[in-house]
Amino acid sequence: YARIPETIIDLHGYTTREAEEVLHTLIRERKYAHVRIITGKGNRSAHGPVLAQFVRDYLNARQIRYNNAKLHEGGEGALEVFLK
């Protein structure tokens, strides 16, 4: 796979519900093979990190391949997602 994603989706500040809608649309439309999803690390969240784990769980439940982005591309606050 190319290291450069076709699009980058920034979910900073999204609720899990909003993030789920974005992910559902992304998967349903099948427009991209490689997407970088920025979740952030939850450092500013009142209840600690929620979104990053939510996105991982969502992808795992659908057997969608992903890995953490390289450090200079967001590290553990971003995922490289492979949809095709």
C-alpha atoms as a PDB file:
ATOM      1  CA  TYR A   1       0.000   0.000   0.000  1.00  0.00           C
ATOM      2  CA  ALA A   2       1.046   3.546  -0.629  1.00  0.00           C
ATOM      3  CA  ARG A   3       1.893   5.418   2.541  1.00  0.00           C
ATOM      4  CA  ILE A   4      -0.093   8.449   1.449  1.00  0.00           C
ATOM      5  CA  PRO A   5      -3.800   8.262   2.294  1.00  0.00           C
ATOM      6  CA  GLU A   6      -6.329   9.283  -0.331  1.00  0.00           C
ATOM      7  CA  THR A   7      -8.120  11.399   2.247  1.00  0.00           C
ATOM      8  CA  ILE A   8      -7.739  12.429   5.877  1.00  0.00           C
ATOM      9  CA  ILE A   9     -10.692  12.567   8.232  1.00  0.00           C
ATOM     10  CA  ASP A  10     -10.271  14.534  11.451  1.00  0.00           C
ATOM     11  CA  LEU A  11     -12.660  13.394  14.181  1.00  0.00           C
ATOM     12  CA  HIS A  12     -11.289  15.740  16.881  1.00  0.00           C
ATOM     13  CA  GLY A  13     -14.170  16.938  19.037  1.00  0.00           C
ATOM     14  CA  TYR A  14     -16.691  14.481  17.601  1.00  0.00           C
ATOM     15  CA  THR A  15     -18.959  12.451  19.849  1.00  0.00           C
ATOM     16  CA  THR A  16     -18.825   8.684  19.370  1.00  0.00           C
ATOM     17  CA  ARG A  17     -22.261   8.945  17.734  1.00  0.00           C
ATOM     18  CA  GLU A  18     -21.024  11.526  15.214  1.00  0.00           C
ATOM     19  CA  ALA A  19     -17.870   9.497  14.583  1.00  0.00           C
ATOM     20  CA  GLU A  20     -19.960   6.365  13.999  1.00  0.00           C
ATOM     21  CA  GLU A  21     -22.014   8.177  11.340  1.00  0.00           C
ATOM     22  CA  VAL A  22     -18.853   9.341   9.559  1.00  0.00           C
ATOM     23  CA  LEU A  23     -17.343   5.823   9.656  1.00  0.00           C
ATOM     24  CA  HIS A  24     -20.570   4.227   8.466  1.00  0.00           C
ATOM     25  CA  THR A  25     -20.751   6.603   5.489  1.00  0.00           C
ATOM     26  CA  LEU A  26     -17.058   6.103   4.714  1.00  0.00           C
ATOM     27  CA  ILE A  27     -17.448   2.325   4.577  1.00  0.00           C
ATOM     28  CA  ARG A  28     -20.772   2.398   2.728  1.00  0.00           C
ATOM     29  CA  GLU A  29     -19.551   4.739  -0.023  1.00  0.00           C
ATOM     30  CA  ARG A  30     -16.397   2.692  -0.750  1.00  0.00           C
ATOM     31  CA  LYS A  31     -14.681   5.715  -2.344  1.00  0.00           C
ATOM     32  CA  TYR A  32     -11.269   5.244  -0.741  1.00  0.00           C
ATOM     33  CA  ALA A  33      -8.855   2.380  -0.237  1.00  0.00           C
ATOM     34  CA  HIS A  34      -6.580   4.136   2.275  1.00  0.00           C
ATOM     35  CA  VAL A  35      -7.808   6.738   4.761  1.00  0.00           C
ATOM     36  CA  ARG A  36      -6.064   8.410   7.689  1.00  0.00           C
ATOM     37  CA  ILE A  37      -8.487   8.939  10.554  1.00  0.00           C
ATOM     38  CA  ILE A  38      -7.365  11.405  13.192  1.00  0.00           C
ATOM     39  CA  THR A  39      -8.961  10.649  16.555  1.00  0.00           C
ATOM     40  CA  GLY A  40      -6.649  12.599  18.813  1.00  0.00           C
ATOM     41  CA  LYS A  41      -5.302  11.101  22.005  1.00  0.00           C
ATOM     42  CA  GLY A  42      -8.051  12.269  24.353  1.00  0.00           C
ATOM     43  CA  ASN A  43      -5.711  14.493  26.347  1.00  0.00           C
ATOM     44  CA  ARG A  44      -8.280  17.293  26.537  1.00  0.00           C
ATOM     45  CA  SER A  45     -11.280  15.051  27.107  1.00  0.00           C
ATOM     46  CA  ALA A  46     -13.031  15.338  30.475  1.00  0.00           C
ATOM     47  CA  HIS A  47     -13.422  11.548  30.692  1.00  0.00           C
ATOM     48  CA  GLY A  48     -10.101  10.569  29.173  1.00  0.00           C
ATOM     49  CA  PRO A  49      -9.641   9.107  25.705  1.00  0.00           C
ATOM     50  CA  VAL A  50     -12.813   7.593  24.286  1.00  0.00           C
ATOM     51  CA  LEU A  51     -12.817   8.212  20.551  1.00  0.00           C
ATOM     52  CA  ALA A  52      -9.603   6.394  19.597  1.00  0.00           C
ATOM     53  CA  GLN A  53     -10.765   3.164  21.264  1.00  0.00           C
ATOM     54  CA  PHE A  54     -14.267   3.569  19.865  1.00  0.00           C
ATOM     55  CA  VAL A  55     -12.903   3.830  16.308  1.00  0.00           C
ATOM     56  CA  ARG A  56     -10.609   0.812  16.838  1.00  0.00           C
ATOM     57  CA  ASP A  57     -13.506  -1.247  18.194  1.00  0.00           C
ATOM     58  CA  TYR A  58     -15.719  -0.176  15.277  1.00  0.00           C
ATOM     59  CA  LEU A  59     -13.090  -1.211  12.723  1.00  0.00           C
ATOM     60  CA  ASN A  60     -12.283  -4.463  14.541  1.00  0.00           C
ATOM     61  CA  ALA A  61     -15.975  -5.436  14.663  1.00  0.00           C
ATOM     62  CA  ARG A  62     -16.082  -5.098  10.871  1.00  0.00           C
ATOM     63  CA  GLN A  63     -12.698  -6.773  10.311  1.00  0.00           C
ATOM     64  CA  ILE A  64     -11.308  -3.637   8.673  1.00  0.00           C
ATOM     65  CA  ARG A  65      -7.518  -3.489   8.608  1.00  0.00           C
ATOM     66  CA  TYR A  66      -5.760  -0.527  10.219  1.00  0.00           C
ATOM     67  CA  ASN A  67      -2.604   0.418  12.058  1.00  0.00           C
ATOM     68  CA  ASN A  68      -1.351   3.396  14.044  1.00  0.00           C
ATOM     69  CA  ALA A  69      -0.025   6.220  11.922  1.00  0.00           C
ATOM     70  CA  LYS A  70       3.700   6.907  11.958  1.00  0.00           C
ATOM     71  CA  LEU A  71       4.713   9.263  14.753  1.00  0.00           C
ATOM     72  CA  HIS A  72       5.164  12.256  12.447  1.00  0.00           C
ATOM     73  CA  GLU A  73       1.696  11.564  10.968  1.00  0.00           C
ATOM     74  CA  GLY A  74      -0.154  11.539  14.282  1.00  0.00           C
ATOM     75  CA  GLY A  75       1.141   8.419  16.036  1.00  0.00           C
ATOM     76  CA  GLU A  76      -1.394   6.884  18.385  1.00  0.00           C
ATOM     77  CA  GLY A  77      -3.749   9.822  17.733  1.00  0.00           C
ATOM     78  CA  ALA A  78      -4.280   8.733  14.133  1.00  0.00           C
ATOM     79  CA  LEU A  79      -5.018   5.492  12.300  1.00  0.00           C
ATOM     80  CA  GLU A  80      -4.149   4.354   8.790  1.00  0.00           C
ATOM     81  CA  VAL A  81      -7.259   2.497   7.622  1.00  0.00           C
ATOM     82  CA  PHE A  82      -7.319   0.153   4.639  1.00  0.00           C
ATOM     83  CA  LEU A  83     -10.773  -0.341   3.175  1.00  0.00           C
ATOM     84  CA  LYS A  84     -10.001  -2.389   0.058  1.00  0.00           C
END
